[in-house]
């Protein structure tokens, strides 16, 4: 049956929308089809691969390691095989492949490979192991003399005496991981691993394997691989932004917390674990419960020890202390000798709303010190533009919001947050990565907020 142009366009449209990489080579090893998902997985442009010899573009430890070449040269069919290889820039890629030859009259005329990307899963596990060895925070790293901070620290120190689950509530940039690590390193588990994972940073399809590990046989070529629970055994596992987990995974997590056993993906045997779980959330947990982002039973199980980290706008008496701390830090890093800030800067820092919290303040001071070359004091002109203005609209309630239109505190804060994020995004021409850096939050956290605003009843959220 011949394929006319219309039929081919239909096939091509389907190939481009598939959430699986499709790579087809002809009998000479030349790439003839390479879809969008494959480009994304392998970080390659179409022109770098299409009509090129497959062997000239991708690298393997040995050519025998290529499932696609095995299908072409030997007629070999492989299913659910894990494969690690390199693109033409030397980037390591790990995929799970289904590969088979294409035949015509018993002759092999090409080969096709369908691949799923697990590079991110492999990378995250490696990064967590490296971070577990490098990052060590204690209560001394949490800067603040305000009553709210000192009360929170005292409550956190009490939590070091037990192995109960801890639920840390705090906006992005408030220092949740510092508190979590401080609890771990102040406890009897301090000699055992501390593993941290942001649940919003990993696709849902990979999270289960990442948390619980994989068993040999889950897919062909898979090795027995421990998940984060096993890596943290005897120590502490921090699950950041727990409200990003889907309900199915939340139910499995609840079961692990109750039974203290995990089962790897593809496995039958249950393994006993001894892991203290600390979870964090960047919104009011009651709001997350109401909106269906957090299971009620999981919330009650995690919040044995609830800790609330106050946002910077609620402890502005700590701003001066934090500012001096960051100046000392970047003096050392940059080889500078800034002595402090002038009175206009102090006033601007006190007036700002700090929706990015302590992280935003640190980035503001770092940016100011980049501009204050060979100066001894940070002045207003050294601050980022959003702090220089003496009449920032987000700090001045609009008349219609105060008169004749009463708002709850929660509604007001949501509106202020929305306006500020919108202004920063517009200032960065819609570039989410740059806006996230300016706001002092991760790209994933910003994307989550944008999604929340668009789905909520907050009007006029248009970038």
Protein backbone atom coordinates (compact mmCIF):
# COMPACT_ATOMS: atom_id res chain seq x y z
CA UNK A 1 0.00 0.00 0.00
CA UNK A 2 1.45 3.34 -1.04
CA UNK A 3 1.50 6.23 1.39
CA UNK A 4 0.22 9.43 -0.17
CA UNK A 5 1.18 12.88 1.11
CA UNK A 6 -1.95 13.30 3.26
CA UNK A 7 -1.43 9.94 4.97
CA UNK A 8 2.23 10.73 5.61
CA UNK A 9 1.31 14.07 7.16
CA UNK A 10 -1.07 12.21 9.48
CA UNK A 11 1.64 9.74 10.48
CA UNK A 12 4.08 12.58 11.06
CA UNK A 13 1.60 14.50 13.24
CA UNK A 14 1.14 11.43 15.43
CA UNK A 15 4.91 10.84 15.69
CA UNK A 16 5.52 14.41 16.83
CA UNK A 17 2.89 14.20 19.59
CA UNK A 18 4.01 10.87 21.05
CA UNK A 19 5.47 11.04 24.56
CA UNK A 20 8.14 8.53 23.53
CA UNK A 21 11.26 9.05 21.44
CA UNK A 22 11.10 7.57 17.92
CA UNK A 23 14.35 7.03 16.00
CA UNK A 24 14.37 5.13 12.69
CA UNK A 25 17.45 4.36 10.58
CA UNK A 26 17.66 2.82 7.10
CA UNK A 27 19.78 -0.14 6.00
CA UNK A 28 22.89 2.09 5.84
CA UNK A 29 22.45 3.41 9.37
CA UNK A 30 21.20 6.80 8.18
CA UNK A 31 18.53 8.46 10.30
CA UNK A 32 15.30 8.87 8.35
CA UNK A 33 12.82 9.63 11.16
CA UNK A 34 13.58 11.43 14.43
CA UNK A 35 10.68 12.89 16.40
CA UNK A 36 10.36 15.82 18.81
CA UNK A 37 10.48 13.70 21.97
CA UNK A 38 13.72 12.06 20.85
CA UNK A 39 15.23 15.51 20.23
CA UNK A 40 14.28 16.60 23.75
CA UNK A 41 15.58 13.41 25.37
CA UNK A 42 18.92 13.57 23.58
CA UNK A 43 19.30 17.39 23.55
CA UNK A 44 19.78 17.39 19.78
CA UNK A 45 18.41 19.53 16.99
CA UNK A 46 16.73 17.81 14.03
CA UNK A 47 19.42 18.90 11.58
CA UNK A 48 22.12 17.36 13.78
CA UNK A 49 20.62 13.87 13.39
CA UNK A 50 18.33 13.62 10.37
CA UNK A 51 20.07 12.24 7.22
CA UNK A 52 23.24 11.64 9.27
CA UNK A 53 24.94 8.32 9.95
CA UNK A 54 23.72 7.20 13.39
CA UNK A 55 27.25 6.02 14.30
CA UNK A 56 28.72 9.47 13.61
CA UNK A 57 26.26 11.23 15.90
CA UNK A 58 25.98 9.03 19.00
CA UNK A 59 28.70 7.41 21.05
CA UNK A 60 28.71 4.11 22.92
CA UNK A 61 31.34 2.33 24.99
CA UNK A 62 31.17 -0.32 22.27
CA UNK A 63 29.06 -0.43 19.11
CA UNK A 64 27.63 -3.70 20.43
CA UNK A 65 26.01 -1.64 23.18
CA UNK A 66 23.68 0.05 20.69
CA UNK A 67 20.32 -1.67 20.63
CA UNK A 68 19.47 0.13 17.38
CA UNK A 69 22.57 -1.22 15.61
CA UNK A 70 21.92 -4.69 17.02
CA UNK A 71 18.46 -4.59 15.49
CA UNK A 72 19.85 -3.42 12.13
CA UNK A 73 22.87 -5.75 11.92
CA UNK A 74 21.59 -8.84 13.75
CA UNK A 75 17.81 -8.55 13.51
CA UNK A 76 17.74 -8.54 17.29
CA UNK A 77 14.60 -7.47 19.13
CA UNK A 78 15.02 -5.89 22.59
CA UNK A 79 12.27 -4.81 24.94
CA UNK A 80 12.45 -2.57 28.00
CA UNK A 81 16.25 -2.44 27.85
CA UNK A 82 18.12 0.26 29.76
CA UNK A 83 20.88 1.89 27.70
CA UNK A 84 23.42 4.62 28.46
CA UNK A 85 25.14 6.49 25.62
CA UNK A 86 26.38 9.98 24.62
CA UNK A 87 25.22 12.61 22.15
CA UNK A 88 27.63 14.55 19.90
CA UNK A 89 28.35 17.03 22.70
CA UNK A 90 29.38 14.32 25.13
CA UNK A 91 26.21 14.53 27.25
CA UNK A 92 25.35 11.25 28.96
CA UNK A 93 21.85 9.95 28.20
CA UNK A 94 20.04 7.00 29.79
CA UNK A 95 16.88 5.56 28.23
CA UNK A 96 14.62 2.52 28.41
CA UNK A 97 14.29 1.16 24.85
CA UNK A 98 12.10 -1.05 22.74
CA UNK A 99 14.02 -1.78 19.54
CA UNK A 100 13.28 -4.00 16.55
CA UNK A 101 14.28 -4.44 12.89
CA UNK A 102 12.11 -3.38 9.95
CA UNK A 103 11.86 -6.13 7.34
CA UNK A 104 10.73 -6.37 3.71
CA UNK A 105 10.60 -9.80 2.10
CA UNK A 106 12.75 -11.14 4.97
CA UNK A 107 15.43 -8.52 4.31
CA UNK A 108 16.24 -5.99 7.02
CA UNK A 109 15.73 -2.53 5.51
CA UNK A 110 16.05 -0.52 8.70
CA UNK A 111 15.50 -0.44 12.43
CA UNK A 112 13.31 1.52 14.83
CA UNK A 113 13.85 2.44 18.46
CA UNK A 114 11.20 3.67 20.90
CA UNK A 115 12.79 5.21 23.98
CA UNK A 116 11.76 6.65 27.34
CA UNK A 117 14.09 9.08 29.09
CA UNK A 118 15.34 8.12 32.56
CA UNK A 119 18.42 10.36 32.46
CA UNK A 120 16.87 12.68 35.02
CA UNK A 121 16.20 9.81 37.41
CA UNK A 122 19.82 8.64 37.24
CA UNK A 123 21.13 12.19 37.65
CA UNK A 124 18.91 13.00 40.63
CA UNK A 125 20.07 9.93 42.55
CA UNK A 126 23.71 10.87 41.93
CA UNK A 127 23.09 14.49 42.93
CA UNK A 128 21.37 13.44 46.15
CA UNK A 129 24.32 11.26 47.11
CA UNK A 130 26.76 14.13 46.44
CA UNK A 131 24.64 16.66 48.33
CA UNK A 132 24.30 14.28 51.27
CA UNK A 133 28.08 14.41 51.65
CA UNK A 134 28.53 18.16 51.07
CA UNK A 135 25.69 20.15 52.63
CA UNK A 136 25.64 20.37 56.40
CA UNK A 137 23.42 22.98 58.07
CA UNK A 138 22.84 23.41 61.78
CA UNK A 139 20.66 25.76 63.82
CA UNK A 140 23.54 28.27 63.83
CA UNK A 141 22.92 28.85 60.10
CA UNK A 142 19.36 30.06 60.69
CA UNK A 143 19.81 33.81 61.22
CA UNK A 144 17.24 35.67 63.29
CA UNK A 145 16.71 37.13 66.76
CA UNK A 146 12.99 37.86 66.42
CA UNK A 147 10.61 36.21 68.84
CA UNK A 148 8.91 34.25 66.02
CA UNK A 149 12.20 32.78 64.84
CA UNK A 150 13.51 31.96 68.31
CA UNK A 151 10.24 30.23 69.20
CA UNK A 152 10.37 28.16 66.00
CA UNK A 153 14.01 27.18 66.62
CA UNK A 154 13.25 26.07 70.17
CA UNK A 155 10.39 23.90 68.90
CA UNK A 156 12.67 22.44 66.21
CA UNK A 157 15.37 21.65 68.77
CA UNK A 158 12.79 19.72 70.79
CA UNK A 159 12.18 17.60 67.69
CA UNK A 160 15.82 16.41 67.64
CA UNK A 161 15.10 14.16 70.63
CA UNK A 162 12.76 11.81 68.75
CA UNK A 163 12.29 10.19 65.34
CA UNK A 164 8.74 11.44 64.79
CA UNK A 165 7.72 12.85 61.40
CA UNK A 166 8.08 16.62 61.05
CA UNK A 167 5.93 18.85 58.85
CA UNK A 168 7.57 22.20 58.03
CA UNK A 169 5.28 24.94 56.75
CA UNK A 170 6.89 27.94 55.10
CA UNK A 171 6.90 30.01 51.94
CA UNK A 172 9.59 29.59 49.32
CA UNK A 173 12.89 31.06 50.46
CA UNK A 174 12.19 30.98 54.22
CA UNK A 175 14.85 28.36 55.01
CA UNK A 176 12.89 25.11 55.32
CA UNK A 177 15.84 22.90 54.35
CA UNK A 178 18.12 24.60 56.88
CA UNK A 179 15.63 23.74 59.62
CA UNK A 180 15.24 20.17 58.33
CA UNK A 181 19.00 19.59 58.23
CA UNK A 182 19.42 21.21 61.63
CA UNK A 183 16.95 18.71 63.10
CA UNK A 184 18.77 15.80 61.46
CA UNK A 185 22.29 16.86 62.46
CA UNK A 186 21.14 17.67 65.97
CA UNK A 187 19.64 14.20 66.43
CA UNK A 188 20.97 10.70 67.04
CA UNK A 189 20.74 10.13 63.29
CA UNK A 190 23.42 12.72 62.50
CA UNK A 191 26.00 10.10 61.44
CA UNK A 192 23.55 8.56 58.97
CA UNK A 193 22.47 10.00 55.58
CA UNK A 194 20.39 13.11 55.07
CA UNK A 195 18.69 12.89 51.66
CA UNK A 196 16.64 15.76 50.21
CA UNK A 197 14.26 15.69 47.25
CA UNK A 198 12.04 18.40 45.80
CA UNK A 199 8.88 16.55 44.74
CA UNK A 200 7.96 19.28 42.25
CA UNK A 201 11.24 18.94 40.37
CA UNK A 202 10.72 15.39 39.08
CA UNK A 203 8.08 14.15 36.60
CA UNK A 204 5.36 12.02 38.19
CA UNK A 205 6.34 9.07 35.99
CA UNK A 206 9.79 8.92 37.61
CA UNK A 207 8.97 9.75 41.22
CA UNK A 208 7.88 6.28 42.30
CA UNK A 209 11.10 4.70 40.98
CA UNK A 210 13.12 7.49 42.55
CA UNK A 211 11.53 7.11 45.99
CA UNK A 212 11.20 3.33 46.22
CA UNK A 213 13.86 2.02 43.82
CA UNK A 214 13.64 -0.59 41.05
CA UNK A 215 14.00 -4.36 41.08
CA UNK A 216 15.87 -6.41 38.51
CA UNK A 217 13.21 -7.52 36.07
CA UNK A 218 11.22 -4.30 36.21
CA UNK A 219 12.64 -3.76 32.74
CA UNK A 220 15.23 -5.66 30.75
CA UNK A 221 18.76 -4.70 31.71
CA UNK A 222 17.63 -3.01 34.92
CA UNK A 223 19.82 -3.55 37.95
CA UNK A 224 18.60 -3.70 41.50
CA UNK A 225 18.65 0.00 42.29
CA UNK A 226 17.83 1.49 45.70
CA UNK A 227 15.48 4.42 45.93
CA UNK A 228 15.80 7.43 48.20
CA UNK A 229 14.16 5.63 51.13
CA UNK A 230 16.84 2.94 51.06
CA UNK A 231 19.62 5.47 50.55
CA UNK A 232 18.37 7.35 53.62
CA UNK A 233 17.99 4.21 55.75
CA UNK A 234 18.94 4.97 59.33
CA UNK A 235 18.85 8.68 58.59
CA UNK A 236 16.42 11.32 57.37
CA UNK A 237 14.55 11.84 54.10
CA UNK A 238 13.36 15.38 53.36
CA UNK A 239 10.44 15.54 50.91
CA UNK A 240 10.16 19.15 49.80
CA UNK A 241 6.85 20.46 48.39
CA UNK A 242 4.97 17.31 49.41
CA UNK A 243 1.78 18.82 47.98
CA UNK A 244 3.23 18.24 44.49
CA UNK A 245 2.91 14.45 44.82
CA UNK A 246 -0.12 12.92 43.13
CA UNK A 247 -2.69 11.20 45.33
CA UNK A 248 -1.58 7.69 44.31
CA UNK A 249 1.97 8.34 45.47
CA UNK A 250 0.72 10.10 48.59
CA UNK A 251 -1.21 6.91 49.46
CA UNK A 252 1.90 4.77 48.92
CA UNK A 253 3.94 7.17 51.04
CA UNK A 254 1.36 6.94 53.83
CA UNK A 255 1.64 3.15 53.74
CA UNK A 256 5.43 3.35 54.01
CA UNK A 257 5.17 5.68 57.00
CA UNK A 258 2.69 3.40 58.75
CA UNK A 259 4.35 0.04 58.05
CA UNK A 260 8.00 1.17 57.78
CA UNK A 261 8.44 -1.06 54.75
CA UNK A 262 9.02 -0.32 51.07
CA UNK A 263 8.62 -2.38 47.92
CA UNK A 264 10.72 -1.55 44.88
CA UNK A 265 9.04 -0.99 41.53
CA UNK A 266 8.83 -4.40 39.85
CA UNK A 267 9.66 -6.20 43.07
CA UNK A 268 7.67 -8.55 45.29
CA UNK A 269 9.71 -8.48 48.47
CA UNK A 270 9.10 -5.83 51.13
CA UNK A 271 12.14 -4.30 52.80
CA UNK A 272 12.10 -2.89 56.30
CA UNK A 273 13.40 0.66 56.58
CA UNK A 274 14.23 3.02 59.39
CA UNK A 275 13.84 6.50 57.96
CA UNK A 276 12.70 9.70 59.59
CA UNK A 277 10.59 11.66 57.12
CA UNK A 278 10.53 15.45 57.18
CA UNK A 279 8.07 16.99 54.74
CA UNK A 280 7.69 20.62 53.71
CA UNK A 281 4.91 22.62 52.11
CA UNK A 282 5.04 26.16 50.69
CA UNK A 283 1.39 27.02 51.29
CA UNK A 284 -1.18 26.83 54.06
CA UNK A 285 -1.75 23.06 54.49
CA UNK A 286 -5.44 23.63 55.21
CA UNK A 287 -5.73 25.37 51.84
CA UNK A 288 -3.93 22.42 50.20
CA UNK A 289 -6.41 20.06 51.86
CA UNK A 290 -9.39 22.10 50.67
CA UNK A 291 -8.02 22.29 47.12
CA UNK A 292 -7.35 18.55 46.95
CA UNK A 293 -3.55 18.75 46.73
CA UNK A 294 -2.87 16.98 50.02
CA UNK A 295 -4.43 13.84 51.47
CA UNK A 296 -5.95 14.44 54.88
CA UNK A 297 -4.69 11.13 56.31
CA UNK A 298 -1.14 11.82 55.08
CA UNK A 299 -1.23 15.32 56.54
CA UNK A 300 -2.19 13.98 59.98
CA UNK A 301 0.52 11.30 59.77
CA UNK A 302 3.25 13.77 58.77
CA UNK A 303 2.34 16.61 61.11
CA UNK A 304 3.24 14.85 64.36
CA UNK A 305 5.63 17.76 64.85
CA UNK A 306 4.38 20.81 62.90
CA UNK A 307 6.77 23.74 62.48
CA UNK A 308 5.86 27.09 60.94
CA UNK A 309 8.70 29.25 59.57
CA UNK A 310 7.55 32.88 59.52
CA UNK A 311 7.98 34.80 56.24
CA UNK A 312 10.46 37.66 56.26
CA UNK A 313 7.71 40.29 56.09
CA UNK A 314 6.54 39.06 59.53
CA UNK A 315 9.98 39.38 61.12
CA UNK A 316 11.40 42.54 59.62
CA UNK A 317 13.45 43.16 62.76
CA UNK A 318 15.76 40.42 61.42
CA UNK A 319 16.44 42.19 58.11
CA UNK A 320 19.40 44.19 59.41
CA UNK A 321 20.98 41.09 60.96
CA UNK A 322 20.49 39.09 57.76
CA UNK A 323 21.82 41.93 55.60
CA UNK A 324 25.06 42.11 57.59
CA UNK A 325 25.38 38.34 57.44
CA UNK A 326 25.10 38.31 53.64
CA UNK A 327 27.52 41.23 53.31
CA UNK A 328 30.12 39.29 55.31
CA UNK A 329 29.47 36.20 53.20
CA UNK A 330 29.96 37.96 49.86
CA UNK A 331 32.86 40.06 51.12
CA UNK A 332 34.67 36.78 51.63
CA UNK A 333 33.54 35.26 48.33
CA UNK A 334 34.22 38.37 46.22
CA UNK A 335 37.30 39.64 48.05
CA UNK A 336 35.52 42.91 48.91
CA UNK A 337 35.32 45.09 52.02
CA UNK A 338 31.78 46.49 52.14
CA UNK A 339 31.10 47.86 55.62
CA UNK A 340 27.31 48.02 55.49
CA UNK A 341 24.38 49.89 53.94
CA UNK A 342 23.33 53.53 54.15
CA UNK A 343 20.08 54.77 55.72
CA UNK A 344 18.18 54.94 52.40
CA UNK A 345 18.95 51.27 51.78
CA UNK A 346 17.85 50.35 55.28
CA UNK A 347 14.56 52.14 54.65
CA UNK A 348 14.05 50.43 51.26
CA UNK A 349 14.75 47.00 52.74
CA UNK A 350 12.28 47.59 55.55
CA UNK A 351 9.53 48.78 53.17
CA UNK A 352 9.83 45.88 50.73
CA UNK A 353 7.34 43.00 51.03
CA UNK A 354 9.90 40.18 50.43
CA UNK A 355 7.66 37.67 48.75
CA UNK A 356 10.85 35.72 47.94
CA UNK A 357 11.76 35.89 51.63
CA UNK A 358 15.34 35.43 52.88
CA UNK A 359 16.49 34.00 49.55
CA UNK A 360 15.28 37.14 47.77
CA UNK A 361 17.12 39.31 50.31
CA UNK A 362 20.33 37.35 49.79
CA UNK A 363 20.09 37.72 46.00
CA UNK A 364 19.41 41.45 46.40
CA UNK A 365 22.54 41.91 48.54
CA UNK A 366 24.64 39.77 46.19
CA UNK A 367 23.42 41.83 43.23
CA UNK A 368 24.09 45.11 45.05
CA UNK A 369 27.64 44.04 45.86
CA UNK A 370 28.23 43.26 42.19
CA UNK A 371 27.32 46.90 41.45
CA UNK A 372 29.19 48.38 44.42
CA UNK A 373 32.66 47.75 43.01
CA UNK A 374 35.36 49.55 45.04
CA UNK A 375 32.70 51.09 47.29
CA UNK A 376 32.65 50.80 51.08
CA UNK A 377 28.91 51.16 51.60
CA UNK A 378 25.89 49.89 49.65
CA UNK A 379 23.70 52.78 48.50
CA UNK A 380 20.25 52.90 46.95
CA UNK A 381 21.64 52.97 43.40
CA UNK A 382 23.27 49.60 43.97
CA UNK A 383 19.97 47.86 44.76
CA UNK A 384 17.87 46.06 42.13
CA UNK A 385 15.37 48.32 40.36
CA UNK A 386 12.37 46.84 42.17
CA UNK A 387 13.85 47.99 45.50
CA UNK A 388 15.00 51.42 44.37
CA UNK A 389 11.57 52.83 43.72
CA UNK A 390 10.23 54.81 46.65
CA UNK A 391 6.67 54.03 45.67
CA UNK A 392 6.48 50.37 44.79
CA UNK A 393 2.85 49.68 43.99
CA UNK A 394 2.86 46.32 45.74
CA UNK A 395 3.60 48.03 49.04
CA UNK A 396 0.82 50.60 48.53
CA UNK A 397 -2.71 49.14 48.55
CA UNK A 398 -4.84 50.28 45.65
CA UNK A 399 -7.76 52.52 46.63
CA UNK A 400 -10.40 50.19 45.20
CA UNK A 401 -8.95 47.31 47.20
CA UNK A 402 -9.31 49.17 50.48
CA UNK A 403 -12.47 51.20 50.00
CA UNK A 404 -15.70 49.45 49.12
CA UNK A 405 -14.04 46.06 48.49
CA UNK A 406 -13.14 44.26 51.67
CA UNK A 407 -10.63 41.44 51.33
CA UNK A 408 -9.49 38.77 53.74
CA UNK A 409 -5.79 38.67 54.60
CA UNK A 410 -5.40 35.54 52.50
CA UNK A 411 -7.03 37.19 49.47
CA UNK A 412 -4.88 40.29 49.88
CA UNK A 413 -1.64 38.28 50.08
CA UNK A 414 -2.62 36.24 47.01
CA UNK A 415 -3.31 39.44 45.07
CA UNK A 416 0.00 41.02 46.13
CA UNK A 417 1.89 37.86 45.23
CA UNK A 418 0.17 37.67 41.85
CA UNK A 419 0.91 41.35 41.05
CA UNK A 420 4.56 41.04 42.00
CA UNK A 421 5.13 37.84 40.02
CA UNK A 422 3.38 39.39 37.03
CA UNK A 423 5.60 42.50 37.20
CA UNK A 424 8.80 40.47 37.44
CA UNK A 425 7.76 38.19 34.57
CA UNK A 426 6.93 41.19 32.40
CA UNK A 427 10.28 42.75 33.33
CA UNK A 428 12.02 39.58 32.14
CA UNK A 429 9.90 39.44 28.94
CA UNK A 430 8.14 36.28 30.11
CA UNK A 431 11.37 34.31 30.69
CA UNK A 432 10.42 31.97 33.54
CA UNK A 433 14.00 30.95 34.40
CA UNK A 434 15.17 34.57 34.76
CA UNK A 435 12.03 35.57 36.64
CA UNK A 436 12.45 32.65 39.07
CA UNK A 437 16.04 33.72 39.76
CA UNK A 438 14.89 37.31 40.33
CA UNK A 439 12.16 36.11 42.69
CA UNK A 440 14.52 33.85 44.61
CA UNK A 441 12.68 30.61 43.89
CA UNK A 442 13.12 27.53 41.74
CA UNK A 443 11.77 27.42 38.19
CA UNK A 444 9.44 24.57 39.21
CA UNK A 445 8.02 26.59 42.12
CA UNK A 446 7.30 29.55 39.84
CA UNK A 447 5.60 27.32 37.28
CA UNK A 448 3.48 25.86 40.08
CA UNK A 449 2.39 29.35 41.17
CA UNK A 450 1.54 30.38 37.61
CA UNK A 451 -0.62 27.28 37.25
CA UNK A 452 -2.30 28.03 40.58
CA UNK A 453 -3.08 31.62 39.57
CA UNK A 454 -4.53 30.59 36.21
CA UNK A 455 -6.75 27.93 37.80
CA UNK A 456 -7.87 30.13 40.69
CA UNK A 457 -10.46 32.87 40.77
CA UNK A 458 -7.80 35.59 40.85
CA UNK A 459 -8.67 37.77 37.85
CA UNK A 460 -6.52 39.31 35.12
CA UNK A 461 -3.56 36.98 35.38
CA UNK A 462 -2.20 37.50 31.91
CA UNK A 463 1.50 37.64 31.11
